[in-house]
Amino acid sequence: MRILKSIHTWLGWLIAVPLLLWTISGLVMVAKPEAETKGEHYRLNAAARALPPGWLAAQLIEGEDRPVEMRTRMQGNSAVTSAIYSDGKIERYFAKSGEPVPEIDLAAARTIVAMEIAGGDKVDSVRFFEAENTPGDFGRKVPVWQVVLRDGTNVYVGRESGDIEAIRTPWWRTNETFRNLHTLRGNVGNIKGLAYGLLAVLAILLLTSLTLRRREKSQLKADAPITAPESSV
């Protein structure tokens, strides 16, 4: 009985630790609005802009490798048509002339960030990543330029799309760390979750066993005959 009580106590401590981490991580996750966590407040001119008046160039669609979507919108100071393919590839054309838009290079990435991101002119470094080797905080397999601002914010510009693909602030990275802790993501997280679940089940079984034993002892005491003390006379 004493051994069971000791095991149950230690299991309770083991279960309390992840519960405490789960609670703290949950508080961190809701500490700031989601839009602020995602860095949306950094975006300038986020509202969609109307296309300029006039004719747009006709696009000839032919061959076996054809786009699944055509989208025309304002990018920078130009109307641009994006041809999006089923494998995620994007080709861009100037909507007025139909001429291909050059892929985004280092200078273009810096210009886009300076135009579209608050504080985007304060750049610490710029680095290009191929689709197979993107940083962990980006989380997608597309070729991007990483523009690191002086406040530690990572702004990702798509080489093919010319869009701001993601904004990763220092707070976003902190929030994501606690989110992973909270949800136990990945295979390792699944193993941890299974382990914590098994510990909880074991603790419940031990508590049930202790409760039944205590009830059994109480019942035995209640059923025991009461003997009157012998008289000394």
C-alpha atoms as a PDB file:
ATOM      1  CA  MET A   1       0.000   0.000   0.000  1.00  0.00           C
ATOM      2  CA  ARG A   2       2.783   2.434   0.932  1.00  0.00           C
ATOM      3  CA  ILE A   3       4.701   1.591  -2.280  1.00  0.00           C
ATOM      4  CA  LEU A   4       1.594   2.264  -4.373  1.00  0.00           C
ATOM      5  CA  LYS A   5       1.108   5.608  -2.647  1.00  0.00           C
ATOM      6  CA  SER A   6       4.734   6.575  -3.345  1.00  0.00           C
ATOM      7  CA  ILE A   7       4.490   5.589  -7.014  1.00  0.00           C
ATOM      8  CA  HIS A   8       1.222   7.494  -7.362  1.00  0.00           C
ATOM      9  CA  THR A   9       2.799  10.630  -5.839  1.00  0.00           C
ATOM     10  CA  TRP A  10       5.769  10.578  -8.221  1.00  0.00           C
ATOM     11  CA  LEU A  11       3.491   9.948 -11.201  1.00  0.00           C
ATOM     12  CA  GLY A  12       1.459  12.960 -10.121  1.00  0.00           C
ATOM     13  CA  TRP A  13       4.597  15.131 -10.242  1.00  0.00           C
ATOM     14  CA  LEU A  14       5.558  13.763 -13.658  1.00  0.00           C
ATOM     15  CA  ILE A  15       2.104  14.534 -15.014  1.00  0.00           C
ATOM     16  CA  ALA A  16       2.045  17.988 -13.384  1.00  0.00           C
ATOM     17  CA  VAL A  17       5.153  19.154 -15.285  1.00  0.00           C
ATOM     18  CA  PRO A  18       3.689  18.808 -18.819  1.00  0.00           C
ATOM     19  CA  LEU A  19       0.375  20.228 -17.597  1.00  0.00           C
ATOM     20  CA  LEU A  20       2.215  23.295 -16.278  1.00  0.00           C
ATOM     21  CA  LEU A  21       4.131  23.689 -19.550  1.00  0.00           C
ATOM     22  CA  TRP A  22       0.897  23.260 -21.489  1.00  0.00           C
ATOM     23  CA  THR A  23      -0.758  26.039 -19.468  1.00  0.00           C
ATOM     24  CA  ILE A  24       2.196  28.443 -19.748  1.00  0.00           C
ATOM     25  CA  SER A  25       2.586  27.841 -23.488  1.00  0.00           C
ATOM     26  CA  GLY A  26      -1.132  28.452 -23.979  1.00  0.00           C
ATOM     27  CA  LEU A  27      -0.864  31.810 -22.202  1.00  0.00           C
ATOM     28  CA  VAL A  28       2.086  32.805 -24.403  1.00  0.00           C
ATOM     29  CA  MET A  29       0.173  31.824 -27.551  1.00  0.00           C
ATOM     30  CA  VAL A  30      -2.715  34.205 -26.752  1.00  0.00           C
ATOM     31  CA  ALA A  31      -0.594  37.022 -25.306  1.00  0.00           C
ATOM     32  CA  LYS A  32      -0.826  39.035 -28.549  1.00  0.00           C
ATOM     33  CA  PRO A  33      -3.409  39.178 -31.365  1.00  0.00           C
ATOM     34  CA  GLU A  34      -2.844  36.657 -34.160  1.00  0.00           C
ATOM     35  CA  ALA A  35      -2.405  39.362 -36.815  1.00  0.00           C
ATOM     36  CA  GLU A  36       0.360  40.992 -34.769  1.00  0.00           C
ATOM     37  CA  THR A  37       2.026  37.630 -34.178  1.00  0.00           C
ATOM     38  CA  LYS A  38       2.061  37.007 -37.949  1.00  0.00           C
ATOM     39  CA  GLY A  39       3.575  40.447 -38.547  1.00  0.00           C
ATOM     40  CA  GLU A  40       0.638  41.740 -40.598  1.00  0.00           C
ATOM     41  CA  HIS A  41       1.052  45.188 -39.018  1.00  0.00           C
ATOM     42  CA  TYR A  42       4.382  45.469 -40.887  1.00  0.00           C
ATOM     43  CA  ARG A  43       2.655  45.462 -44.271  1.00  0.00           C
ATOM     44  CA  LEU A  44       2.192  48.768 -46.064  1.00  0.00           C
ATOM     45  CA  ASN A  45      -0.554  49.334 -48.647  1.00  0.00           C
ATOM     46  CA  ALA A  46      -2.091  45.957 -47.825  1.00  0.00           C
ATOM     47  CA  ALA A  47      -5.357  46.899 -49.558  1.00  0.00           C
ATOM     48  CA  ALA A  48      -5.794  45.634 -53.125  1.00  0.00           C
ATOM     49  CA  ARG A  49      -5.204  48.309 -55.795  1.00  0.00           C
ATOM     50  CA  ALA A  50      -7.220  48.749 -58.974  1.00  0.00           C
ATOM     51  CA  LEU A  51      -5.609  47.931 -62.319  1.00  0.00           C
ATOM     52  CA  PRO A  52      -4.789  50.891 -64.578  1.00  0.00           C
ATOM     53  CA  PRO A  53      -7.249  51.649 -67.402  1.00  0.00           C
ATOM     54  CA  GLY A  54      -6.519  50.412 -70.913  1.00  0.00           C
ATOM     55  CA  TRP A  55      -6.019  47.148 -72.793  1.00  0.00           C
ATOM     56  CA  LEU A  56      -4.195  44.181 -71.357  1.00  0.00           C
ATOM     57  CA  ALA A  57      -1.987  42.025 -73.557  1.00  0.00           C
ATOM     58  CA  ALA A  58      -3.497  38.782 -74.825  1.00  0.00           C
ATOM     59  CA  GLN A  59      -1.922  35.629 -73.377  1.00  0.00           C
ATOM     60  CA  LEU A  60      -1.397  32.638 -75.659  1.00  0.00           C
ATOM     61  CA  ILE A  61      -1.966  29.387 -73.743  1.00  0.00           C
ATOM     62  CA  GLU A  62      -0.612  26.348 -75.565  1.00  0.00           C
ATOM     63  CA  GLY A  63       1.426  23.159 -75.106  1.00  0.00           C
ATOM     64  CA  GLU A  64       0.979  20.360 -72.590  1.00  0.00           C
ATOM     65  CA  ASP A  65       2.385  22.238 -69.581  1.00  0.00           C
ATOM     66  CA  ARG A  66      -0.340  24.838 -69.187  1.00  0.00           C
ATOM     67  CA  PRO A  67      -1.087  26.964 -66.097  1.00  0.00           C
ATOM     68  CA  VAL A  68      -4.030  26.105 -63.874  1.00  0.00           C
ATOM     69  CA  GLU A  69      -4.646  29.735 -62.895  1.00  0.00           C
ATOM     70  CA  MET A  70      -4.008  33.191 -64.371  1.00  0.00           C
ATOM     71  CA  ARG A  71      -4.071  36.171 -62.004  1.00  0.00           C
ATOM     72  CA  THR A  72      -3.555  39.838 -62.857  1.00  0.00           C
ATOM     73  CA  ARG A  73      -2.905  42.430 -60.146  1.00  0.00           C
ATOM     74  CA  MET A  74      -0.746  45.378 -59.229  1.00  0.00           C
ATOM     75  CA  GLN A  75       2.785  44.581 -58.053  1.00  0.00           C
ATOM     76  CA  GLY A  76       4.892  47.607 -57.302  1.00  0.00           C
ATOM     77  CA  ASN A  77       4.035  50.173 -59.973  1.00  0.00           C
ATOM     78  CA  SER A  78       3.119  47.654 -62.692  1.00  0.00           C
ATOM     79  CA  ALA A  79       0.158  45.470 -63.580  1.00  0.00           C
ATOM     80  CA  VAL A  80       1.471  41.907 -63.585  1.00  0.00           C
ATOM     81  CA  THR A  81      -0.149  38.684 -64.757  1.00  0.00           C
ATOM     82  CA  SER A  82       0.958  35.548 -62.904  1.00  0.00           C
ATOM     83  CA  ALA A  83       0.637  32.141 -64.550  1.00  0.00           C
ATOM     84  CA  ILE A  84       0.404  29.517 -61.804  1.00  0.00           C
ATOM     85  CA  TYR A  85       1.099  25.854 -62.635  1.00  0.00           C
ATOM     86  CA  SER A  86      -0.065  22.698 -60.880  1.00  0.00           C
ATOM     87  CA  ASP A  87       3.394  22.047 -59.409  1.00  0.00           C
ATOM     88  CA  GLY A  88       3.466  25.494 -57.793  1.00  0.00           C
ATOM     89  CA  LYS A  89       5.703  27.114 -60.408  1.00  0.00           C
ATOM     90  CA  ILE A  90       4.867  30.744 -61.181  1.00  0.00           C
ATOM     91  CA  GLU A  91       5.675  32.721 -64.315  1.00  0.00           C
ATOM     92  CA  ARG A  92       5.007  36.461 -64.411  1.00  0.00           C
ATOM     93  CA  TYR A  93       4.321  38.783 -67.345  1.00  0.00           C
ATOM     94  CA  PHE A  94       3.774  42.503 -67.627  1.00  0.00           C
ATOM     95  CA  ALA A  95       0.040  42.741 -68.215  1.00  0.00           C
ATOM     96  CA  LYS A  96       0.344  45.658 -70.652  1.00  0.00           C
ATOM     97  CA  SER A  97       3.065  44.314 -72.918  1.00  0.00           C
ATOM     98  CA  GLY A  98       2.992  40.576 -72.287  1.00  0.00           C
ATOM     99  CA  GLU A  99       6.773  40.588 -71.776  1.00  0.00           C
ATOM    100  CA  PRO A 100       8.169  38.239 -69.094  1.00  0.00           C
ATOM    101  CA  VAL A 101       8.936  39.813 -65.729  1.00  0.00           C
ATOM    102  CA  PRO A 102      12.536  39.085 -64.644  1.00  0.00           C
ATOM    103  CA  GLU A 103      12.992  36.814 -61.636  1.00  0.00           C
ATOM    104  CA  ILE A 104      13.497  38.619 -58.356  1.00  0.00           C
ATOM    105  CA  ASP A 105      17.177  39.283 -57.668  1.00  0.00           C
ATOM    106  CA  LEU A 106      18.838  40.719 -54.558  1.00  0.00           C
ATOM    107  CA  ALA A 107      18.241  44.342 -55.510  1.00  0.00           C
ATOM    108  CA  ALA A 108      14.608  43.679 -56.415  1.00  0.00           C
ATOM    109  CA  ALA A 109      14.015  41.823 -53.126  1.00  0.00           C
ATOM    110  CA  ARG A 110      15.371  44.774 -51.157  1.00  0.00           C
ATOM    111  CA  THR A 111      13.236  47.196 -53.164  1.00  0.00           C
ATOM    112  CA  ILE A 112      10.059  45.155 -52.585  1.00  0.00           C
ATOM    113  CA  VAL A 113      10.687  44.994 -48.843  1.00  0.00           C
ATOM    114  CA  ALA A 114      11.461  48.717 -48.662  1.00  0.00           C
ATOM    115  CA  MET A 115       8.220  49.519 -50.519  1.00  0.00           C
ATOM    116  CA  GLU A 116       5.873  47.105 -48.779  1.00  0.00           C
ATOM    117  CA  ILE A 117       7.192  46.639 -45.232  1.00  0.00           C
ATOM    118  CA  ALA A 118       7.323  49.220 -42.430  1.00  0.00           C
ATOM    119  CA  GLY A 119      11.009  49.708 -41.604  1.00  0.00           C
ATOM    120  CA  GLY A 120      11.908  47.657 -44.686  1.00  0.00           C
ATOM    121  CA  ASP A 121      14.723  50.057 -45.576  1.00  0.00           C
ATOM    122  CA  LYS A 122      16.623  49.070 -42.418  1.00  0.00           C
ATOM    123  CA  VAL A 123      18.171  45.849 -43.698  1.00  0.00           C
ATOM    124  CA  ASP A 124      20.783  43.819 -41.860  1.00  0.00           C
ATOM    125  CA  SER A 125      21.352  41.065 -44.455  1.00  0.00           C
ATOM    126  CA  VAL A 126      19.877  39.434 -47.570  1.00  0.00           C
ATOM    127  CA  ARG A 127      20.254  35.783 -48.512  1.00  0.00           C
ATOM    128  CA  PHE A 128      18.734  33.525 -51.162  1.00  0.00           C
ATOM    129  CA  PHE A 129      17.407  30.018 -50.435  1.00  0.00           C
ATOM    130  CA  GLU A 130      16.512  27.343 -52.958  1.00  0.00           C
ATOM    131  CA  ALA A 131      13.203  25.507 -52.487  1.00  0.00           C
ATOM    132  CA  GLU A 132      14.930  22.416 -51.045  1.00  0.00           C
ATOM    133  CA  ASN A 133      16.797  24.377 -48.377  1.00  0.00           C
ATOM    134  CA  THR A 134      14.433  27.031 -47.003  1.00  0.00           C
ATOM    135  CA  PRO A 135      14.782  28.144 -43.360  1.00  0.00           C
ATOM    136  CA  GLY A 136      12.704  26.458 -40.705  1.00  0.00           C
ATOM    137  CA  ASP A 137      10.737  29.573 -39.812  1.00  0.00           C
ATOM    138  CA  PHE A 138       9.565  29.925 -43.438  1.00  0.00           C
ATOM    139  CA  GLY A 139       8.098  26.433 -43.628  1.00  0.00           C
ATOM    140  CA  ARG A 140       7.442  26.171 -47.377  1.00  0.00           C
ATOM    141  CA  LYS A 141       9.314  24.656 -50.319  1.00  0.00           C
ATOM    142  CA  VAL A 142       9.569  27.604 -52.715  1.00  0.00           C
ATOM    143  CA  PRO A 143      12.675  29.616 -53.693  1.00  0.00           C
ATOM    144  CA  VAL A 144      12.802  32.776 -51.589  1.00  0.00           C
ATOM    145  CA  TRP A 145      14.937  35.732 -50.623  1.00  0.00           C
ATOM    146  CA  GLN A 146      15.332  36.181 -46.876  1.00  0.00           C
ATOM    147  CA  VAL A 147      15.631  39.856 -45.975  1.00  0.00           C
ATOM    148  CA  VAL A 148      16.647  40.250 -42.331  1.00  0.00           C
ATOM    149  CA  LEU A 149      15.711  43.595 -40.790  1.00  0.00           C
ATOM    150  CA  ARG A 150      17.673  45.210 -37.996  1.00  0.00           C
ATOM    151  CA  ASP A 151      14.975  44.415 -35.425  1.00  0.00           C
ATOM    152  CA  GLY A 152      15.419  40.679 -36.124  1.00  0.00           C
ATOM    153  CA  THR A 153      12.389  40.295 -38.383  1.00  0.00           C
ATOM    154  CA  ASN A 154      12.801  37.916 -41.341  1.00  0.00           C
ATOM    155  CA  VAL A 155      10.886  38.976 -44.445  1.00  0.00           C
ATOM    156  CA  TYR A 156      10.611  36.356 -47.213  1.00  0.00           C
ATOM    157  CA  VAL A 157      10.178  37.448 -50.840  1.00  0.00           C
ATOM    158  CA  GLY A 158       9.279  34.816 -53.443  1.00  0.00           C
ATOM    159  CA  ARG A 159      11.761  34.711 -56.310  1.00  0.00           C
ATOM    160  CA  GLU A 160       9.079  33.644 -58.780  1.00  0.00           C
ATOM    161  CA  SER A 161       5.999  35.322 -57.308  1.00  0.00           C
ATOM    162  CA  GLY A 162       7.536  38.666 -56.293  1.00  0.00           C
ATOM    163  CA  ASP A 163       5.257  38.618 -53.228  1.00  0.00           C
ATOM    164  CA  ILE A 164       6.001  38.986 -49.557  1.00  0.00           C
ATOM    165  CA  GLU A 165       5.506  35.302 -48.786  1.00  0.00           C
ATOM    166  CA  ALA A 166       5.956  35.508 -45.009  1.00  0.00           C
ATOM    167  CA  ILE A 167       6.935  37.827 -42.167  1.00  0.00           C
ATOM    168  CA  ARG A 168       8.649  36.194 -39.201  1.00  0.00           C
ATOM    169  CA  THR A 169       9.154  38.517 -36.248  1.00  0.00           C
ATOM    170  CA  PRO A 170      11.151  37.582 -33.128  1.00  0.00           C
ATOM    171  CA  TRP A 171       7.822  37.301 -31.300  1.00  0.00           C
ATOM    172  CA  TRP A 172       6.503  34.940 -34.008  1.00  0.00           C
ATOM    173  CA  ARG A 173       9.491  32.626 -33.457  1.00  0.00           C
ATOM    174  CA  THR A 174       8.954  32.692 -29.685  1.00  0.00           C
ATOM    175  CA  ASN A 175       5.245  32.036 -30.159  1.00  0.00           C
ATOM    176  CA  GLU A 176       5.963  29.164 -32.553  1.00  0.00           C
ATOM    177  CA  THR A 177       8.351  27.549 -30.059  1.00  0.00           C
ATOM    178  CA  PHE A 178       5.660  27.562 -27.381  1.00  0.00           C
ATOM    179  CA  ARG A 179       3.040  26.425 -29.920  1.00  0.00           C
ATOM    180  CA  ASN A 180       5.166  23.376 -30.742  1.00  0.00           C
ATOM    181  CA  LEU A 181       5.521  22.706 -27.017  1.00  0.00           C
ATOM    182  CA  HIS A 182       1.782  23.154 -26.508  1.00  0.00           C
ATOM    183  CA  THR A 183       0.664  20.877 -29.333  1.00  0.00           C
ATOM    184  CA  LEU A 184       3.589  18.386 -29.236  1.00  0.00           C
ATOM    185  CA  ARG A 185       4.036  18.559 -33.003  1.00  0.00           C
ATOM    186  CA  GLY A 186       5.908  15.968 -35.060  1.00  0.00           C
ATOM    187  CA  ASN A 187       6.874  12.341 -34.480  1.00  0.00           C
ATOM    188  CA  VAL A 188       8.779  13.166 -31.309  1.00  0.00           C
ATOM    189  CA  GLY A 189       5.735  15.055 -30.066  1.00  0.00           C
ATOM    190  CA  ASN A 190       3.543  12.033 -30.758  1.00  0.00           C
ATOM    191  CA  ILE A 191       5.878   9.833 -28.723  1.00  0.00           C
ATOM    192  CA  LYS A 192       5.869  12.352 -25.855  1.00  0.00           C
ATOM    193  CA  GLY A 193       2.098  12.650 -25.986  1.00  0.00           C
ATOM    194  CA  LEU A 194       1.747   8.855 -25.893  1.00  0.00           C
ATOM    195  CA  ALA A 195       4.159   8.639 -22.949  1.00  0.00           C
ATOM    196  CA  TYR A 196       2.295  11.323 -20.978  1.00  0.00           C
ATOM    197  CA  GLY A 197      -1.009   9.604 -21.764  1.00  0.00           C
ATOM    198  CA  LEU A 198       0.277   6.241 -20.518  1.00  0.00           C
ATOM    199  CA  LEU A 199       1.581   7.863 -17.327  1.00  0.00           C
ATOM    200  CA  ALA A 200      -1.815   9.459 -16.747  1.00  0.00           C
ATOM    201  CA  VAL A 201      -3.592   6.126 -17.267  1.00  0.00           C
ATOM    202  CA  LEU A 202      -1.175   4.406 -14.874  1.00  0.00           C
ATOM    203  CA  ALA A 203      -1.722   7.116 -12.261  1.00  0.00           C
ATOM    204  CA  ILE A 204      -5.509   6.727 -12.568  1.00  0.00           C
ATOM    205  CA  LEU A 205      -5.251   2.934 -12.199  1.00  0.00           C
ATOM    206  CA  LEU A 206      -3.088   3.321  -9.085  1.00  0.00           C
ATOM    207  CA  LEU A 207      -5.510   5.843  -7.618  1.00  0.00           C
ATOM    208  CA  THR A 208      -8.394   3.463  -8.306  1.00  0.00           C
ATOM    209  CA  SER A 209      -6.490   0.630  -6.644  1.00  0.00           C
ATOM    210  CA  LEU A 210      -5.688   2.763  -3.591  1.00  0.00           C
ATOM    211  CA  THR A 211      -9.318   3.902  -3.309  1.00  0.00           C
ATOM    212  CA  LEU A 212     -10.634   0.340  -3.480  1.00  0.00           C
ATOM    213  CA  ARG A 213      -8.139  -0.857  -0.860  1.00  0.00           C
ATOM    214  CA  ARG A 214      -9.028   1.998   1.450  1.00  0.00           C
ATOM    215  CA  ARG A 215     -12.745   1.247   1.039  1.00  0.00           C
ATOM    216  CA  GLU A 216     -12.088  -2.441   1.706  1.00  0.00           C
ATOM    217  CA  LYS A 217     -10.254  -1.618   4.928  1.00  0.00           C
ATOM    218  CA  SER A 218     -13.036   0.703   6.028  1.00  0.00           C
ATOM    219  CA  GLN A 219     -15.608  -2.018   5.337  1.00  0.00           C
ATOM    220  CA  LEU A 220     -13.622  -4.564   7.365  1.00  0.00           C
ATOM    221  CA  LYS A 221     -13.463  -2.179  10.310  1.00  0.00           C
ATOM    222  CA  ALA A 222     -17.202  -1.550  10.067  1.00  0.00           C
ATOM    223  CA  ASP A 223     -17.993  -5.297   9.997  1.00  0.00           C
ATOM    224  CA  ALA A 224     -15.679  -6.172  12.880  1.00  0.00           C
ATOM    225  CA  PRO A 225     -17.602  -7.216  16.078  1.00  0.00           C
ATOM    226  CA  ILE A 226     -17.536  -4.737  18.890  1.00  0.00           C
ATOM    227  CA  THR A 227     -16.459  -6.380  22.151  1.00  0.00           C
ATOM    228  CA  ALA A 228     -17.448  -4.751  25.438  1.00  0.00           C
ATOM    229  CA  PRO A 229     -14.634  -4.205  27.899  1.00  0.00           C
ATOM    230  CA  GLU A 230     -14.484  -6.767  30.720  1.00  0.00           C
ATOM    231  CA  SER A 231     -15.775  -5.595  34.055  1.00  0.00           C
ATOM    232  CA  SER A 232     -13.232  -5.340  36.843  1.00  0.00           C
ATOM    233  CA  VAL A 233     -15.852  -6.242  39.478  1.00  0.00           C
END
